[in-house]
Amino acid sequence: MRANQALYAQLHPIKESIFWRQVDGGHDALCWRGGLMQGLIDLWQPLFHDRS
């Protein structure tokens, strides 16, 4: 978790679009299933938006 927080802190000043959400849990399917689809949508949205 510290590595993710450090990366966010380094990327934040460059004014790029950054989405950070910290969740309680581990790396099992029950923790990932809720945010996986939304995360992929957020990640790929700019690719589809540019085509319009």
PDB file of N, CA and C in Angstrom:
ATOM      1  N   MET A   1       0.816  -1.187   0.000  1.00  0.00           N
ATOM      2  CA  MET A   1       0.000   0.000   0.000  1.00  0.00           C
ATOM      3  C   MET A   1       0.867   1.261   0.000  1.00  0.00           C
ATOM      4  N   ARG A   2       1.964   1.223   0.709  1.00  0.00           N
ATOM      5  CA  ARG A   2       2.835   2.405   0.753  1.00  0.00           C
ATOM      6  C   ARG A   2       3.388   2.752  -0.621  1.00  0.00           C
ATOM      7  N   ALA A   3       3.696   1.737  -1.404  1.00  0.00           N
ATOM      8  CA  ALA A   3       4.218   1.997  -2.749  1.00  0.00           C
ATOM      9  C   ALA A   3       3.166   2.708  -3.601  1.00  0.00           C
ATOM     10  N   ASN A   4       1.917   2.298  -3.497  1.00  0.00           N
ATOM     11  CA  ASN A   4       0.842   2.945  -4.249  1.00  0.00           C
ATOM     12  C   ASN A   4       0.651   4.390  -3.806  1.00  0.00           C
ATOM     13  N   GLN A   5       0.707   4.624  -2.509  1.00  0.00           N
ATOM     14  CA  GLN A   5       0.559   5.978  -1.990  1.00  0.00           C
ATOM     15  C   GLN A   5       1.717   6.864  -2.444  1.00  0.00           C
ATOM     16  N   ALA A   6       2.916   6.319  -2.464  1.00  0.00           N
ATOM     17  CA  ALA A   6       4.085   7.080  -2.909  1.00  0.00           C
ATOM     18  C   ALA A   6       3.981   7.415  -4.398  1.00  0.00           C
ATOM     19  N   LEU A   7       3.532   6.466  -5.198  1.00  0.00           N
ATOM     20  CA  LEU A   7       3.361   6.713  -6.629  1.00  0.00           C
ATOM     21  C   LEU A   7       2.323   7.802  -6.862  1.00  0.00           C
ATOM     22  N   TYR A   8       1.217   7.732  -6.158  1.00  0.00           N
ATOM     23  CA  TYR A   8       0.187   8.763  -6.283  1.00  0.00           C
ATOM     24  C   TYR A   8       0.756  10.137  -5.925  1.00  0.00           C
ATOM     25  N   ALA A   9       1.507  10.214  -4.849  1.00  0.00           N
ATOM     26  CA  ALA A   9       2.092  11.483  -4.413  1.00  0.00           C
ATOM     27  C   ALA A   9       3.043  12.052  -5.465  1.00  0.00           C
ATOM     28  N   GLN A  10       3.752  11.200  -6.178  1.00  0.00           N
ATOM     29  CA  GLN A  10       4.675  11.664  -7.214  1.00  0.00           C
ATOM     30  C   GLN A  10       3.946  12.084  -8.488  1.00  0.00           C
ATOM     31  N   LEU A  11       2.851  11.410  -8.816  1.00  0.00           N
ATOM     32  CA  LEU A  11       2.122  11.725 -10.042  1.00  0.00           C
ATOM     33  C   LEU A  11       1.186  12.918  -9.886  1.00  0.00           C
ATOM     34  N   HIS A  12       0.711  13.152  -8.692  1.00  0.00           N
ATOM     35  CA  HIS A  12      -0.274  14.210  -8.464  1.00  0.00           C
ATOM     36  C   HIS A  12       0.187  15.594  -8.946  1.00  0.00           C
ATOM     37  N   PRO A  13       1.416  16.020  -8.697  1.00  0.00           N
ATOM     38  CA  PRO A  13       1.835  17.371  -9.120  1.00  0.00           C
ATOM     39  C   PRO A  13       1.937  17.575 -10.633  1.00  0.00           C
ATOM     40  N   ILE A  14       1.963  16.524 -11.427  1.00  0.00           N
ATOM     41  CA  ILE A  14       2.130  16.718 -12.871  1.00  0.00           C
ATOM     42  C   ILE A  14       0.824  17.065 -13.574  1.00  0.00           C
ATOM     43  N   LYS A  15      -0.251  17.139 -12.834  1.00  0.00           N
ATOM     44  CA  LYS A  15      -1.555  17.594 -13.338  1.00  0.00           C
ATOM     45  C   LYS A  15      -2.152  16.683 -14.405  1.00  0.00           C
ATOM     46  N   GLU A  16      -1.801  15.430 -14.376  1.00  0.00           N
ATOM     47  CA  GLU A  16      -2.452  14.462 -15.247  1.00  0.00           C
ATOM     48  C   GLU A  16      -3.697  13.944 -14.537  1.00  0.00           C
ATOM     49  N   SER A  17      -4.574  13.341 -15.284  1.00  0.00           N
ATOM     50  CA  SER A  17      -5.781  12.773 -14.703  1.00  0.00           C
ATOM     51  C   SER A  17      -5.414  11.511 -13.925  1.00  0.00           C
ATOM     52  N   ILE A  18      -5.631  11.553 -12.628  1.00  0.00           N
ATOM     53  CA  ILE A  18      -5.292  10.429 -11.757  1.00  0.00           C
ATOM     54  C   ILE A  18      -6.511  10.078 -10.929  1.00  0.00           C
ATOM     55  N   PHE A  19      -6.824   8.812 -10.872  1.00  0.00           N
ATOM     56  CA  PHE A  19      -7.917   8.354 -10.019  1.00  0.00           C
ATOM     57  C   PHE A  19      -7.329   7.419  -8.983  1.00  0.00           C
ATOM     58  N   TRP A  20      -7.575   7.711  -7.742  1.00  0.00           N
ATOM     59  CA  TRP A  20      -7.050   6.896  -6.641  1.00  0.00           C
ATOM     60  C   TRP A  20      -8.194   6.568  -5.709  1.00  0.00           C
ATOM     61  N   ARG A  21      -8.362   5.304  -5.433  1.00  0.00           N
ATOM     62  CA  ARG A  21      -9.350   4.876  -4.451  1.00  0.00           C
ATOM     63  C   ARG A  21      -8.726   3.768  -3.625  1.00  0.00           C
ATOM     64  N   GLN A  22      -8.607   4.018  -2.353  1.00  0.00           N
ATOM     65  CA  GLN A  22      -8.057   3.024  -1.440  1.00  0.00           C
ATOM     66  C   GLN A  22      -9.209   2.202  -0.879  1.00  0.00           C
ATOM     67  N   VAL A  23      -9.066   0.890  -0.916  1.00  0.00           N
ATOM     68  CA  VAL A  23     -10.113   0.003  -0.408  1.00  0.00           C
ATOM     69  C   VAL A  23      -9.519  -0.952   0.614  1.00  0.00           C
ATOM     70  N   ASP A  24     -10.353  -1.362   1.535  1.00  0.00           N
ATOM     71  CA  ASP A  24      -9.942  -2.370   2.502  1.00  0.00           C
ATOM     72  C   ASP A  24     -10.103  -3.743   1.871  1.00  0.00           C
ATOM     73  N   GLY A  25      -9.128  -4.577   2.002  1.00  0.00           N
ATOM     74  CA  GLY A  25      -9.228  -5.919   1.459  1.00  0.00           C
ATOM     75  C   GLY A  25      -7.907  -6.380   0.889  1.00  0.00           C
ATOM     76  N   GLY A  26      -7.956  -7.531   0.300  1.00  0.00           N
ATOM     77  CA  GLY A  26      -6.750  -8.127  -0.251  1.00  0.00           C
ATOM     78  C   GLY A  26      -6.835  -8.250  -1.753  1.00  0.00           C
ATOM     79  N   HIS A  27      -6.164  -9.256  -2.274  1.00  0.00           N
ATOM     80  CA  HIS A  27      -6.119  -9.475  -3.711  1.00  0.00           C
ATOM     81  C   HIS A  27      -6.946 -10.683  -4.127  1.00  0.00           C
ATOM     82  N   ASP A  28      -8.035 -10.920  -3.435  1.00  0.00           N
ATOM     83  CA  ASP A  28      -8.901 -12.028  -3.828  1.00  0.00           C
ATOM     84  C   ASP A  28     -10.082 -11.500  -4.650  1.00  0.00           C
ATOM     85  N   ALA A  29     -10.791 -12.405  -5.284  1.00  0.00           N
ATOM     86  CA  ALA A  29     -11.872 -12.023  -6.195  1.00  0.00           C
ATOM     87  C   ALA A  29     -12.968 -11.227  -5.505  1.00  0.00           C
ATOM     88  N   LEU A  30     -13.257 -11.518  -4.264  1.00  0.00           N
ATOM     89  CA  LEU A  30     -14.314 -10.793  -3.567  1.00  0.00           C
ATOM     90  C   LEU A  30     -13.971  -9.322  -3.386  1.00  0.00           C
ATOM     91  N   CYS A  31     -12.724  -9.014  -3.226  1.00  0.00           N
ATOM     92  CA  CYS A  31     -12.315  -7.610  -3.075  1.00  0.00           C
ATOM     93  C   CYS A  31     -12.245  -6.900  -4.421  1.00  0.00           C
ATOM     94  N   TRP A  32     -11.885  -7.603  -5.457  1.00  0.00           N
ATOM     95  CA  TRP A  32     -11.690  -6.985  -6.763  1.00  0.00           C
ATOM     96  C   TRP A  32     -12.962  -6.869  -7.586  1.00  0.00           C
ATOM     97  N   ARG A  33     -13.915  -7.759  -7.393  1.00  0.00           N
ATOM     98  CA  ARG A  33     -15.053  -7.816  -8.311  1.00  0.00           C
ATOM     99  C   ARG A  33     -15.885  -6.542  -8.330  1.00  0.00           C
ATOM    100  N   GLY A  34     -15.988  -5.859  -7.200  1.00  0.00           N
ATOM    101  CA  GLY A  34     -16.798  -4.651  -7.157  1.00  0.00           C
ATOM    102  C   GLY A  34     -16.233  -3.506  -7.964  1.00  0.00           C
ATOM    103  N   GLY A  35     -14.933  -3.350  -7.985  1.00  0.00           N
ATOM    104  CA  GLY A  35     -14.342  -2.207  -8.660  1.00  0.00           C
ATOM    105  C   GLY A  35     -13.658  -2.516  -9.967  1.00  0.00           C
ATOM    106  N   LEU A  36     -13.534  -3.782 -10.310  1.00  0.00           N
ATOM    107  CA  LEU A  36     -12.790  -4.143 -11.521  1.00  0.00           C
ATOM    108  C   LEU A  36     -13.431  -3.577 -12.783  1.00  0.00           C
ATOM    109  N   MET A  37     -14.719  -3.796 -12.950  1.00  0.00           N
ATOM    110  CA  MET A  37     -15.382  -3.311 -14.162  1.00  0.00           C
ATOM    111  C   MET A  37     -15.342  -1.786 -14.242  1.00  0.00           C
ATOM    112  N   GLN A  38     -15.609  -1.114 -13.134  1.00  0.00           N
ATOM    113  CA  GLN A  38     -15.571   0.348 -13.150  1.00  0.00           C
ATOM    114  C   GLN A  38     -14.155   0.846 -13.422  1.00  0.00           C
ATOM    115  N   GLY A  39     -13.176   0.166 -12.878  1.00  0.00           N
ATOM    116  CA  GLY A  39     -11.793   0.550 -13.132  1.00  0.00           C
ATOM    117  C   GLY A  39     -11.419   0.419 -14.598  1.00  0.00           C
ATOM    118  N   LEU A  40     -11.861  -0.656 -15.232  1.00  0.00           N
ATOM    119  CA  LEU A  40     -11.587  -0.840 -16.661  1.00  0.00           C
ATOM    120  C   LEU A  40     -12.309   0.204 -17.507  1.00  0.00           C
ATOM    121  N   ILE A  41     -13.539   0.518 -17.125  1.00  0.00           N
ATOM    122  CA  ILE A  41     -14.283   1.561 -17.840  1.00  0.00           C
ATOM    123  C   ILE A  41     -13.556   2.892 -17.727  1.00  0.00           C
ATOM    124  N   ASP A  42     -13.128   3.235 -16.525  1.00  0.00           N
ATOM    125  CA  ASP A  42     -12.402   4.493 -16.318  1.00  0.00           C
ATOM    126  C   ASP A  42     -11.089   4.509 -17.094  1.00  0.00           C
ATOM    127  N   LEU A  43     -10.414   3.383 -17.139  1.00  0.00           N
ATOM    128  CA  LEU A  43      -9.135   3.288 -17.834  1.00  0.00           C
ATOM    129  C   LEU A  43      -9.296   3.444 -19.342  1.00  0.00           C
ATOM    130  N   TRP A  44     -10.310   2.808 -19.903  1.00  0.00           N
ATOM    131  CA  TRP A  44     -10.487   2.800 -21.350  1.00  0.00           C
ATOM    132  C   TRP A  44     -11.351   3.940 -21.876  1.00  0.00           C
ATOM    133  N   GLN A  45     -12.024   4.665 -21.019  1.00  0.00           N
ATOM    134  CA  GLN A  45     -12.920   5.740 -21.449  1.00  0.00           C
ATOM    135  C   GLN A  45     -12.248   6.724 -22.409  1.00  0.00           C
ATOM    136  N   PRO A  46     -11.044   7.199 -22.122  1.00  0.00           N
ATOM    137  CA  PRO A  46     -10.420   8.154 -23.057  1.00  0.00           C
ATOM    138  C   PRO A  46     -10.212   7.580 -24.460  1.00  0.00           C
ATOM    139  N   LEU A  47      -9.973   6.299 -24.579  1.00  0.00           N
ATOM    140  CA  LEU A  47      -9.767   5.695 -25.898  1.00  0.00           C
ATOM    141  C   LEU A  47     -11.030   5.761 -26.734  1.00  0.00           C
ATOM    142  N   PHE A  48     -12.166   5.496 -26.108  1.00  0.00           N
ATOM    143  CA  PHE A  48     -13.430   5.517 -26.834  1.00  0.00           C
ATOM    144  C   PHE A  48     -13.940   6.937 -27.023  1.00  0.00           C
ATOM    145  N   HIS A  49     -13.624   7.819 -26.098  1.00  0.00           N
ATOM    146  CA  HIS A  49     -14.064   9.211 -26.186  1.00  0.00           C
ATOM    147  C   HIS A  49     -13.369   9.920 -27.347  1.00  0.00           C
ATOM    148  N   ASP A  50     -12.115   9.584 -27.604  1.00  0.00           N
ATOM    149  CA  ASP A  50     -11.351  10.214 -28.684  1.00  0.00           C
ATOM    150  C   ASP A  50     -11.891   9.852 -30.063  1.00  0.00           C
ATOM    151  N   ARG A  51     -12.576   8.730 -30.185  1.00  0.00           N
ATOM    152  CA  ARG A  51     -13.100   8.285 -31.477  1.00  0.00           C
ATOM    153  C   ARG A  51     -14.345   9.055 -31.890  1.00  0.00           C
ATOM    154  N   SER A  52     -15.038   9.636 -30.943  1.00  0.00           N
ATOM    155  CA  SER A  52     -16.316  10.317 -31.234  1.00  0.00           C
ATOM    156  C   SER A  52     -16.122  11.572 -32.040  1.00  0.00           C
TER     157      SER A  52
END
